[in-house]
């Protein structure tokens, strides 16, 4: 998990998932042939608020259209948000 709370090239990093998925599949298939790679983003809701920062809308639309999931955590309650992801969302992925 990467945390960033300031300006930077976040939207470009978010767009790089096709390469990352391909690399993980290549790496893991050498060890476990036929393994499926799941890739998703956990984003901080305040930082990726498209109302206040519309430049992220295109990036989030691209991620969604490419069948990559993203979830939002609420910064003021990071632990609670992460537990929701860990206990509710992750088990539904049937991995």
PDB file of N, CA and C in Angstrom:
ATOM      1  N   UNK A   1       0.843  -1.166   0.000  1.00  0.00           N
ATOM      2  CA  UNK A   1       0.000   0.000   0.000  1.00  0.00           C
ATOM      3  C   UNK A   1       0.894   1.237   0.000  1.00  0.00           C
ATOM      4  N   UNK A   2       0.571   2.190  -0.863  1.00  0.00           N
ATOM      5  CA  UNK A   2       1.316   3.438  -0.945  1.00  0.00           C
ATOM      6  C   UNK A   2       0.422   4.563  -0.448  1.00  0.00           C
ATOM      7  N   UNK A   3       0.971   5.409   0.395  1.00  0.00           N
ATOM      8  CA  UNK A   3       0.219   6.555   0.909  1.00  0.00           C
ATOM      9  C   UNK A   3       0.838   7.832   0.386  1.00  0.00           C
ATOM     10  N   UNK A   4      -0.003   8.714  -0.136  1.00  0.00           N
ATOM     11  CA  UNK A   4       0.479  10.009  -0.621  1.00  0.00           C
ATOM     12  C   UNK A   4      -0.570  11.049  -0.290  1.00  0.00           C
ATOM     13  N   UNK A   5      -0.147  12.131   0.353  1.00  0.00           N
ATOM     14  CA  UNK A   5      -1.127  13.163   0.715  1.00  0.00           C
ATOM     15  C   UNK A   5      -0.816  14.516   0.105  1.00  0.00           C
ATOM     16  N   UNK A   6       0.138  14.565  -0.806  1.00  0.00           N
ATOM     17  CA  UNK A   6       0.483  15.828  -1.446  1.00  0.00           C
ATOM     18  C   UNK A   6       0.461  15.686  -2.953  1.00  0.00           C
ATOM     19  N   UNK A   7       0.787  16.769  -3.616  1.00  0.00           N
ATOM     20  CA  UNK A   7       0.799  16.769  -5.076  1.00  0.00           C
ATOM     21  C   UNK A   7       1.864  15.823  -5.605  1.00  0.00           C
ATOM     22  N   UNK A   8       1.630  15.336  -6.810  1.00  0.00           N
ATOM     23  CA  UNK A   8       2.595  14.435  -7.434  1.00  0.00           C
ATOM     24  C   UNK A   8       1.983  13.836  -8.677  1.00  0.00           C
ATOM     25  N   UNK A   9       2.599  12.799  -9.182  1.00  0.00           N
ATOM     26  CA  UNK A   9       2.143  12.181 -10.423  1.00  0.00           C
ATOM     27  C   UNK A   9       1.238  10.991 -10.135  1.00  0.00           C
ATOM     28  N   UNK A  10       0.335  11.148  -9.178  1.00  0.00           N
ATOM     29  CA  UNK A  10      -0.533  10.058  -8.761  1.00  0.00           C
ATOM     30  C   UNK A  10      -1.376   9.538  -9.912  1.00  0.00           C
ATOM     31  N   UNK A  11      -1.983  10.448 -10.691  1.00  0.00           N
ATOM     32  CA  UNK A  11      -2.865   9.970 -11.754  1.00  0.00           C
ATOM     33  C   UNK A  11      -2.095   9.169 -12.802  1.00  0.00           C
ATOM     34  N   UNK A  12      -0.835   9.521 -13.066  1.00  0.00           N
ATOM     35  CA  UNK A  12      -0.043   8.724 -14.006  1.00  0.00           C
ATOM     36  C   UNK A  12       0.294   7.360 -13.426  1.00  0.00           C
ATOM     37  N   UNK A  13       0.560   7.310 -12.131  1.00  0.00           N
ATOM     38  CA  UNK A  13       0.833   6.018 -11.486  1.00  0.00           C
ATOM     39  C   UNK A  13      -0.402   5.131 -11.530  1.00  0.00           C
ATOM     40  N   UNK A  14      -1.579   5.724 -11.334  1.00  0.00           N
ATOM     41  CA  UNK A  14      -2.812   4.947 -11.370  1.00  0.00           C
ATOM     42  C   UNK A  14      -3.059   4.349 -12.754  1.00  0.00           C
ATOM     43  N   UNK A  15      -2.594   5.014 -13.787  1.00  0.00           N
ATOM     44  CA  UNK A  15      -2.805   4.537 -15.153  1.00  0.00           C
ATOM     45  C   UNK A  15      -1.833   3.422 -15.549  1.00  0.00           C
ATOM     46  N   UNK A  16      -0.885   3.103 -14.692  1.00  0.00           N
ATOM     47  CA  UNK A  16       0.150   2.127 -15.058  1.00  0.00           C
ATOM     48  C   UNK A  16      -0.214   0.689 -14.704  1.00  0.00           C
ATOM     49  N   UNK A  17      -1.446   0.438 -14.258  1.00  0.00           N
ATOM     50  CA  UNK A  17      -1.803  -0.899 -13.812  1.00  0.00           C
ATOM     51  C   UNK A  17      -1.712  -1.990 -14.882  1.00  0.00           C
ATOM     52  N   UNK A  18      -1.972  -1.719 -16.178  1.00  0.00           N
ATOM     53  CA  UNK A  18      -1.840  -2.825 -17.145  1.00  0.00           C
ATOM     54  C   UNK A  18      -0.432  -3.428 -17.149  1.00  0.00           C
ATOM     55  N   UNK A  19       0.570  -2.574 -17.059  1.00  0.00           N
ATOM     56  CA  UNK A  19       1.954  -3.065 -17.010  1.00  0.00           C
ATOM     57  C   UNK A  19       2.194  -3.861 -15.732  1.00  0.00           C
ATOM     58  N   UNK A  20       1.699  -3.337 -14.617  1.00  0.00           N
ATOM     59  CA  UNK A  20       1.905  -4.015 -13.333  1.00  0.00           C
ATOM     60  C   UNK A  20       1.229  -5.381 -13.311  1.00  0.00           C
ATOM     61  N   UNK A  21       0.009  -5.470 -13.817  1.00  0.00           N
ATOM     62  CA  UNK A  21      -0.694  -6.755 -13.862  1.00  0.00           C
ATOM     63  C   UNK A  21       0.091  -7.746 -14.712  1.00  0.00           C
ATOM     64  N   UNK A  22       0.549  -7.299 -15.856  1.00  0.00           N
ATOM     65  CA  UNK A  22       1.318  -8.173 -16.752  1.00  0.00           C
ATOM     66  C   UNK A  22       2.601  -8.677 -16.074  1.00  0.00           C
ATOM     67  N   UNK A  23       3.289  -7.771 -15.379  1.00  0.00           N
ATOM     68  CA  UNK A  23       4.527  -8.157 -14.684  1.00  0.00           C
ATOM     69  C   UNK A  23       4.247  -9.138 -13.550  1.00  0.00           C
ATOM     70  N   UNK A  24       3.199  -8.887 -12.763  1.00  0.00           N
ATOM     71  CA  UNK A  24       2.858  -9.813 -11.678  1.00  0.00           C
ATOM     72  C   UNK A  24       2.491 -11.186 -12.227  1.00  0.00           C
ATOM     73  N   UNK A  25       1.718 -11.217 -13.315  1.00  0.00           N
ATOM     74  CA  UNK A  25       1.345 -12.497 -13.917  1.00  0.00           C
ATOM     75  C   UNK A  25       2.577 -13.248 -14.401  1.00  0.00           C
ATOM     76  N   UNK A  26       3.479 -12.539 -15.038  1.00  0.00           N
ATOM     77  CA  UNK A  26       4.708 -13.150 -15.533  1.00  0.00           C
ATOM     78  C   UNK A  26       5.535 -13.713 -14.378  1.00  0.00           C
ATOM     79  N   UNK A  27       5.691 -12.926 -13.345  1.00  0.00           N
ATOM     80  CA  UNK A  27       6.447 -13.359 -12.167  1.00  0.00           C
ATOM     81  C   UNK A  27       5.812 -14.567 -11.490  1.00  0.00           C
ATOM     82  N   UNK A  28       4.514 -14.479 -11.244  1.00  0.00           N
ATOM     83  CA  UNK A  28       3.833 -15.531 -10.501  1.00  0.00           C
ATOM     84  C   UNK A  28       3.622 -16.796 -11.312  1.00  0.00           C
ATOM     85  N   UNK A  29       3.398 -16.664 -12.615  1.00  0.00           N
ATOM     86  CA  UNK A  29       3.194 -17.849 -13.441  1.00  0.00           C
ATOM     87  C   UNK A  29       4.433 -18.719 -13.527  1.00  0.00           C
ATOM     88  N   UNK A  30       5.597 -18.131 -13.289  1.00  0.00           N
ATOM     89  CA  UNK A  30       6.816 -18.939 -13.228  1.00  0.00           C
ATOM     90  C   UNK A  30       6.798 -19.866 -12.020  1.00  0.00           C
ATOM     91  N   UNK A  31       6.139 -19.449 -10.953  1.00  0.00           N
ATOM     92  CA  UNK A  31       6.074 -20.236  -9.714  1.00  0.00           C
ATOM     93  C   UNK A  31       4.804 -21.079  -9.632  1.00  0.00           C
ATOM     94  N   UNK A  32       3.677 -20.495 -10.048  1.00  0.00           N
ATOM     95  CA  UNK A  32       2.381 -21.173  -9.956  1.00  0.00           C
ATOM     96  C   UNK A  32       1.666 -21.001 -11.295  1.00  0.00           C
ATOM     97  N   UNK A  33       1.888 -21.925 -12.241  1.00  0.00           N
ATOM     98  CA  UNK A  33       1.265 -21.793 -13.561  1.00  0.00           C
ATOM     99  C   UNK A  33      -0.256 -21.660 -13.467  1.00  0.00           C
ATOM    100  N   UNK A  34      -0.807 -20.740 -14.249  1.00  0.00           N
ATOM    101  CA  UNK A  34      -2.246 -20.539 -14.312  1.00  0.00           C
ATOM    102  C   UNK A  34      -2.814 -19.669 -13.206  1.00  0.00           C
ATOM    103  N   UNK A  35      -1.960 -19.107 -12.359  1.00  0.00           N
ATOM    104  CA  UNK A  35      -2.459 -18.258 -11.275  1.00  0.00           C
ATOM    105  C   UNK A  35      -3.085 -17.000 -11.859  1.00  0.00           C
ATOM    106  N   UNK A  36      -4.182 -16.554 -11.249  1.00  0.00           N
ATOM    107  CA  UNK A  36      -4.858 -15.341 -11.715  1.00  0.00           C
ATOM    108  C   UNK A  36      -4.455 -14.173 -10.810  1.00  0.00           C
ATOM    109  N   UNK A  37      -4.136 -13.040 -11.414  1.00  0.00           N
ATOM    110  CA  UNK A  37      -3.727 -11.846 -10.676  1.00  0.00           C
ATOM    111  C   UNK A  37      -4.917 -10.910 -10.544  1.00  0.00           C
ATOM    112  N   UNK A  38      -5.193 -10.504  -9.313  1.00  0.00           N
ATOM    113  CA  UNK A  38      -6.225  -9.505  -9.037  1.00  0.00           C
ATOM    114  C   UNK A  38      -5.511  -8.223  -8.625  1.00  0.00           C
ATOM    115  N   UNK A  39      -5.933  -7.130  -9.175  1.00  0.00           N
ATOM    116  CA  UNK A  39      -5.286  -5.846  -8.890  1.00  0.00           C
ATOM    117  C   UNK A  39      -6.375  -4.835  -8.599  1.00  0.00           C
ATOM    118  N   UNK A  40      -6.244  -4.110  -7.532  1.00  0.00           N
ATOM    119  CA  UNK A  40      -7.202  -3.064  -7.210  1.00  0.00           C
ATOM    120  C   UNK A  40      -6.497  -1.945  -6.474  1.00  0.00           C
ATOM    121  N   UNK A  41      -7.175  -0.818  -6.420  1.00  0.00           N
ATOM    122  CA  UNK A  41      -6.639   0.349  -5.735  1.00  0.00           C
ATOM    123  C   UNK A  41      -7.462   0.651  -4.495  1.00  0.00           C
ATOM    124  N   UNK A  42      -6.789   1.052  -3.448  1.00  0.00           N
ATOM    125  CA  UNK A  42      -7.429   1.575  -2.247  1.00  0.00           C
ATOM    126  C   UNK A  42      -7.028   3.043  -2.200  1.00  0.00           C
ATOM    127  N   UNK A  43      -7.997   3.925  -2.386  1.00  0.00           N
ATOM    128  CA  UNK A  43      -7.730   5.350  -2.522  1.00  0.00           C
ATOM    129  C   UNK A  43      -8.344   6.123  -1.353  1.00  0.00           C
ATOM    130  N   UNK A  44      -7.713   7.203  -0.980  1.00  0.00           N
ATOM    131  CA  UNK A  44      -8.253   8.049   0.074  1.00  0.00           C
ATOM    132  C   UNK A  44      -9.296   8.980  -0.516  1.00  0.00           C
ATOM    133  N   UNK A  45     -10.488   8.901   0.036  1.00  0.00           N
ATOM    134  CA  UNK A  45     -11.643   9.608  -0.490  1.00  0.00           C
ATOM    135  C   UNK A  45     -11.417  11.117  -0.651  1.00  0.00           C
ATOM    136  N   UNK A  46     -10.850  11.755   0.356  1.00  0.00           N
ATOM    137  CA  UNK A  46     -10.651  13.206   0.282  1.00  0.00           C
ATOM    138  C   UNK A  46      -9.695  13.599  -0.840  1.00  0.00           C
ATOM    139  N   UNK A  47      -8.652  12.820  -1.031  1.00  0.00           N
ATOM    140  CA  UNK A  47      -7.630  13.152  -2.028  1.00  0.00           C
ATOM    141  C   UNK A  47      -8.164  12.972  -3.456  1.00  0.00           C
ATOM    142  N   UNK A  48      -8.997  11.956  -3.669  1.00  0.00           N
ATOM    143  CA  UNK A  48      -9.489  11.648  -5.010  1.00  0.00           C
ATOM    144  C   UNK A  48     -10.920  12.130  -5.234  1.00  0.00           C
ATOM    145  N   UNK A  49     -11.298  13.164  -4.535  1.00  0.00           N
ATOM    146  CA  UNK A  49     -12.628  13.754  -4.662  1.00  0.00           C
ATOM    147  C   UNK A  49     -12.719  14.466  -6.014  1.00  0.00           C
ATOM    148  N   UNK A  50     -13.479  13.893  -6.939  1.00  0.00           N
ATOM    149  CA  UNK A  50     -13.553  14.480  -8.291  1.00  0.00           C
ATOM    150  C   UNK A  50     -14.316  15.794  -8.319  1.00  0.00           C
ATOM    151  N   UNK A  51     -15.078  16.077  -7.272  1.00  0.00           N
ATOM    152  CA  UNK A  51     -15.748  17.375  -7.202  1.00  0.00           C
ATOM    153  C   UNK A  51     -14.725  18.489  -7.006  1.00  0.00           C
ATOM    154  N   UNK A  52     -13.740  18.243  -6.149  1.00  0.00           N
ATOM    155  CA  UNK A  52     -12.708  19.244  -5.882  1.00  0.00           C
ATOM    156  C   UNK A  52     -11.512  19.118  -6.820  1.00  0.00           C
ATOM    157  N   UNK A  53     -11.343  17.975  -7.434  1.00  0.00           N
ATOM    158  CA  UNK A  53     -10.219  17.754  -8.332  1.00  0.00           C
ATOM    159  C   UNK A  53     -10.705  16.949  -9.540  1.00  0.00           C
ATOM    160  N   UNK A  54     -11.372  17.612 -10.491  1.00  0.00           N
ATOM    161  CA  UNK A  54     -11.972  16.906 -11.624  1.00  0.00           C
ATOM    162  C   UNK A  54     -10.970  16.176 -12.513  1.00  0.00           C
ATOM    163  N   UNK A  55      -9.695  16.479 -12.392  1.00  0.00           N
ATOM    164  CA  UNK A  55      -8.705  15.807 -13.241  1.00  0.00           C
ATOM    165  C   UNK A  55      -8.627  14.308 -12.965  1.00  0.00           C
ATOM    166  N   UNK A  56      -9.075  13.867 -11.792  1.00  0.00           N
ATOM    167  CA  UNK A  56      -9.040  12.435 -11.476  1.00  0.00           C
ATOM    168  C   UNK A  56     -10.203  11.668 -12.101  1.00  0.00           C
ATOM    169  N   UNK A  57     -11.237  12.361 -12.559  1.00  0.00           N
ATOM    170  CA  UNK A  57     -12.406  11.668 -13.111  1.00  0.00           C
ATOM    171  C   UNK A  57     -12.029  10.798 -14.303  1.00  0.00           C
ATOM    172  N   UNK A  58     -11.264  11.318 -15.238  1.00  0.00           N
ATOM    173  CA  UNK A  58     -10.862  10.532 -16.406  1.00  0.00           C
ATOM    174  C   UNK A  58     -10.059   9.310 -16.004  1.00  0.00           C
ATOM    175  N   UNK A  59      -9.164   9.488 -15.042  1.00  0.00           N
ATOM    176  CA  UNK A  59      -8.344   8.368 -14.582  1.00  0.00           C
ATOM    177  C   UNK A  59      -9.212   7.297 -13.926  1.00  0.00           C
ATOM    178  N   UNK A  60     -10.131   7.708 -13.056  1.00  0.00           N
ATOM    179  CA  UNK A  60     -11.011   6.744 -12.395  1.00  0.00           C
ATOM    180  C   UNK A  60     -11.939   6.060 -13.398  1.00  0.00           C
ATOM    181  N   UNK A  61     -12.414   6.800 -14.396  1.00  0.00           N
ATOM    182  CA  UNK A  61     -13.238   6.199 -15.454  1.00  0.00           C
ATOM    183  C   UNK A  61     -12.438   5.158 -16.237  1.00  0.00           C
ATOM    184  N   UNK A  62     -11.173   5.467 -16.534  1.00  0.00           N
ATOM    185  CA  UNK A  62     -10.317   4.538 -17.262  1.00  0.00           C
ATOM    186  C   UNK A  62     -10.091   3.256 -16.453  1.00  0.00           C
ATOM    187  N   UNK A  63      -9.823   3.415 -15.172  1.00  0.00           N
ATOM    188  CA  UNK A  63      -9.612   2.251 -14.310  1.00  0.00           C
ATOM    189  C   UNK A  63     -10.860   1.366 -14.310  1.00  0.00           C
ATOM    190  N   UNK A  64     -12.015   1.987 -14.111  1.00  0.00           N
ATOM    191  CA  UNK A  64     -13.273   1.236 -14.059  1.00  0.00           C
ATOM    192  C   UNK A  64     -13.554   0.546 -15.400  1.00  0.00           C
ATOM    193  N   UNK A  65     -13.322   1.226 -16.511  1.00  0.00           N
ATOM    194  CA  UNK A  65     -13.594   0.643 -17.825  1.00  0.00           C
ATOM    195  C   UNK A  65     -12.649  -0.512 -18.156  1.00  0.00           C
ATOM    196  N   UNK A  66     -11.557  -0.611 -17.413  1.00  0.00           N
ATOM    197  CA  UNK A  66     -10.581  -1.686 -17.638  1.00  0.00           C
ATOM    198  C   UNK A  66     -10.754  -2.845 -16.654  1.00  0.00           C
ATOM    199  N   UNK A  67     -11.894  -2.865 -15.976  1.00  0.00           N
ATOM    200  CA  UNK A  67     -12.217  -3.929 -15.015  1.00  0.00           C
ATOM    201  C   UNK A  67     -11.249  -4.036 -13.851  1.00  0.00           C
ATOM    202  N   UNK A  68     -10.678  -2.919 -13.460  1.00  0.00           N
ATOM    203  CA  UNK A  68      -9.866  -2.855 -12.243  1.00  0.00           C
ATOM    204  C   UNK A  68     -10.735  -2.152 -11.203  1.00  0.00           C
ATOM    205  N   UNK A  69     -10.776  -2.715 -10.014  1.00  0.00           N
ATOM    206  CA  UNK A  69     -11.610  -2.137  -8.961  1.00  0.00           C
ATOM    207  C   UNK A  69     -10.844  -1.105  -8.167  1.00  0.00           C
ATOM    208  N   UNK A  70     -11.573  -0.148  -7.637  1.00  0.00           N
ATOM    209  CA  UNK A  70     -10.979   0.781  -6.678  1.00  0.00           C
ATOM    210  C   UNK A  70     -11.982   1.019  -5.565  1.00  0.00           C
ATOM    211  N   UNK A  71     -11.440   1.238  -4.392  1.00  0.00           N
ATOM    212  CA  UNK A  71     -12.242   1.452  -3.195  1.00  0.00           C
ATOM    213  C   UNK A  71     -11.715   2.687  -2.493  1.00  0.00           C
ATOM    214  N   UNK A  72     -12.607   3.379  -1.799  1.00  0.00           N
ATOM    215  CA  UNK A  72     -12.212   4.584  -1.082  1.00  0.00           C
ATOM    216  C   UNK A  72     -12.169   4.336   0.415  1.00  0.00           C
ATOM    217  N   UNK A  73     -11.126   4.831   1.028  1.00  0.00           N
ATOM    218  CA  UNK A  73     -11.018   4.859   2.481  1.00  0.00           C
ATOM    219  C   UNK A  73     -11.237   6.296   2.930  1.00  0.00           C
ATOM    220  N   UNK A  74     -11.783   6.460   4.097  1.00  0.00           N
ATOM    221  CA  UNK A  74     -12.000   7.795   4.645  1.00  0.00           C
ATOM    222  C   UNK A  74     -10.808   8.121   5.545  1.00  0.00           C
ATOM    223  N   UNK A  75     -10.009   9.151   5.201  1.00  0.00           N
ATOM    224  CA  UNK A  75      -8.769   9.436   5.937  1.00  0.00           C
ATOM    225  C   UNK A  75      -8.930   9.608   7.434  1.00  0.00           C
ATOM    226  N   UNK A  76     -10.013  10.241   7.871  1.00  0.00           N
ATOM    227  CA  UNK A  76     -10.125  10.490   9.305  1.00  0.00           C
ATOM    228  C   UNK A  76     -10.373   9.215  10.101  1.00  0.00           C
ATOM    229  N   UNK A  77     -10.759   8.144   9.433  1.00  0.00           N
ATOM    230  CA  UNK A  77     -11.009   6.886  10.123  1.00  0.00           C
ATOM    231  C   UNK A  77     -10.377   5.745   9.326  1.00  0.00           C
ATOM    232  N   UNK A  78      -9.068   5.839   9.099  1.00  0.00           N
ATOM    233  CA  UNK A  78      -8.356   4.881   8.256  1.00  0.00           C
ATOM    234  C   UNK A  78      -8.517   3.442   8.737  1.00  0.00           C
ATOM    235  N   UNK A  79      -8.394   3.233  10.044  1.00  0.00           N
ATOM    236  CA  UNK A  79      -8.460   1.867  10.568  1.00  0.00           C
ATOM    237  C   UNK A  79      -9.839   1.248  10.318  1.00  0.00           C
ATOM    238  N   UNK A  80     -10.893   1.996  10.586  1.00  0.00           N
ATOM    239  CA  UNK A  80     -12.244   1.491  10.357  1.00  0.00           C
ATOM    240  C   UNK A  80     -12.455   1.200   8.868  1.00  0.00           C
ATOM    241  N   UNK A  81     -12.016   2.118   8.018  1.00  0.00           N
ATOM    242  CA  UNK A  81     -12.173   1.927   6.577  1.00  0.00           C
ATOM    243  C   UNK A  81     -11.414   0.701   6.100  1.00  0.00           C
ATOM    244  N   UNK A  82     -10.189   0.518   6.576  1.00  0.00           N
ATOM    245  CA  UNK A  82      -9.404  -0.635   6.155  1.00  0.00           C
ATOM    246  C   UNK A  82     -10.046  -1.934   6.629  1.00  0.00           C
ATOM    247  N   UNK A  83     -10.594  -1.937   7.833  1.00  0.00           N
ATOM    248  CA  UNK A  83     -11.265  -3.139   8.337  1.00  0.00           C
ATOM    249  C   UNK A  83     -12.492  -3.484   7.508  1.00  0.00           C
ATOM    250  N   UNK A  84     -13.222  -2.471   7.036  1.00  0.00           N
ATOM    251  CA  UNK A  84     -14.361  -2.726   6.150  1.00  0.00           C
ATOM    252  C   UNK A  84     -13.873  -3.405   4.882  1.00  0.00           C
ATOM    253  N   UNK A  85     -12.776  -2.896   4.317  1.00  0.00           N
ATOM    254  CA  UNK A  85     -12.223  -3.509   3.111  1.00  0.00           C
ATOM    255  C   UNK A  85     -11.794  -4.945   3.393  1.00  0.00           C
ATOM    256  N   UNK A  86     -11.045  -5.131   4.459  1.00  0.00           N
ATOM    257  CA  UNK A  86     -10.492  -6.451   4.791  1.00  0.00           C
ATOM    258  C   UNK A  86     -11.583  -7.464   5.114  1.00  0.00           C
ATOM    259  N   UNK A  87     -12.600  -7.043   5.859  1.00  0.00           N
ATOM    260  CA  UNK A  87     -13.608  -7.982   6.346  1.00  0.00           C
ATOM    261  C   UNK A  87     -14.843  -8.103   5.460  1.00  0.00           C
ATOM    262  N   UNK A  88     -15.105  -7.110   4.630  1.00  0.00           N
ATOM    263  CA  UNK A  88     -16.319  -7.132   3.834  1.00  0.00           C
ATOM    264  C   UNK A  88     -16.037  -7.271   2.336  1.00  0.00           C
ATOM    265  N   UNK A  89     -15.217  -6.392   1.797  1.00  0.00           N
ATOM    266  CA  UNK A  89     -14.990  -6.376   0.340  1.00  0.00           C
ATOM    267  C   UNK A  89     -14.088  -7.523  -0.097  1.00  0.00           C
ATOM    268  N   UNK A  90     -12.963  -7.708   0.557  1.00  0.00           N
ATOM    269  CA  UNK A  90     -12.001  -8.732   0.136  1.00  0.00           C
ATOM    270  C   UNK A  90     -12.607 -10.136   0.103  1.00  0.00           C
ATOM    271  N   UNK A  91     -13.351 -10.557   1.146  1.00  0.00           N
ATOM    272  CA  UNK A  91     -13.924 -11.905   1.086  1.00  0.00           C
ATOM    273  C   UNK A  91     -14.910 -12.119  -0.068  1.00  0.00           C
ATOM    274  N   UNK A  92     -15.584 -11.050  -0.522  1.00  0.00           N
ATOM    275  CA  UNK A  92     -16.545 -11.173  -1.626  1.00  0.00           C
ATOM    276  C   UNK A  92     -15.859 -11.371  -2.972  1.00  0.00           C
ATOM    277  N   UNK A  93     -14.546 -11.192  -3.014  1.00  0.00           N
ATOM    278  CA  UNK A  93     -13.832 -11.311  -4.291  1.00  0.00           C
ATOM    279  C   UNK A  93     -13.605 -12.774  -4.678  1.00  0.00           C
ATOM    280  N   UNK A  94     -13.922 -13.699  -3.785  1.00  0.00           N
ATOM    281  CA  UNK A  94     -13.790 -15.137  -4.062  1.00  0.00           C
ATOM    282  C   UNK A  94     -12.413 -15.523  -4.564  1.00  0.00           C
ATOM    283  N   UNK A  95     -11.419 -15.044  -3.904  1.00  0.00           N
ATOM    284  CA  UNK A  95     -10.044 -15.359  -4.314  1.00  0.00           C
ATOM    285  C   UNK A  95      -9.620 -16.661  -3.677  1.00  0.00           C
TER     286      UNK A  95
END
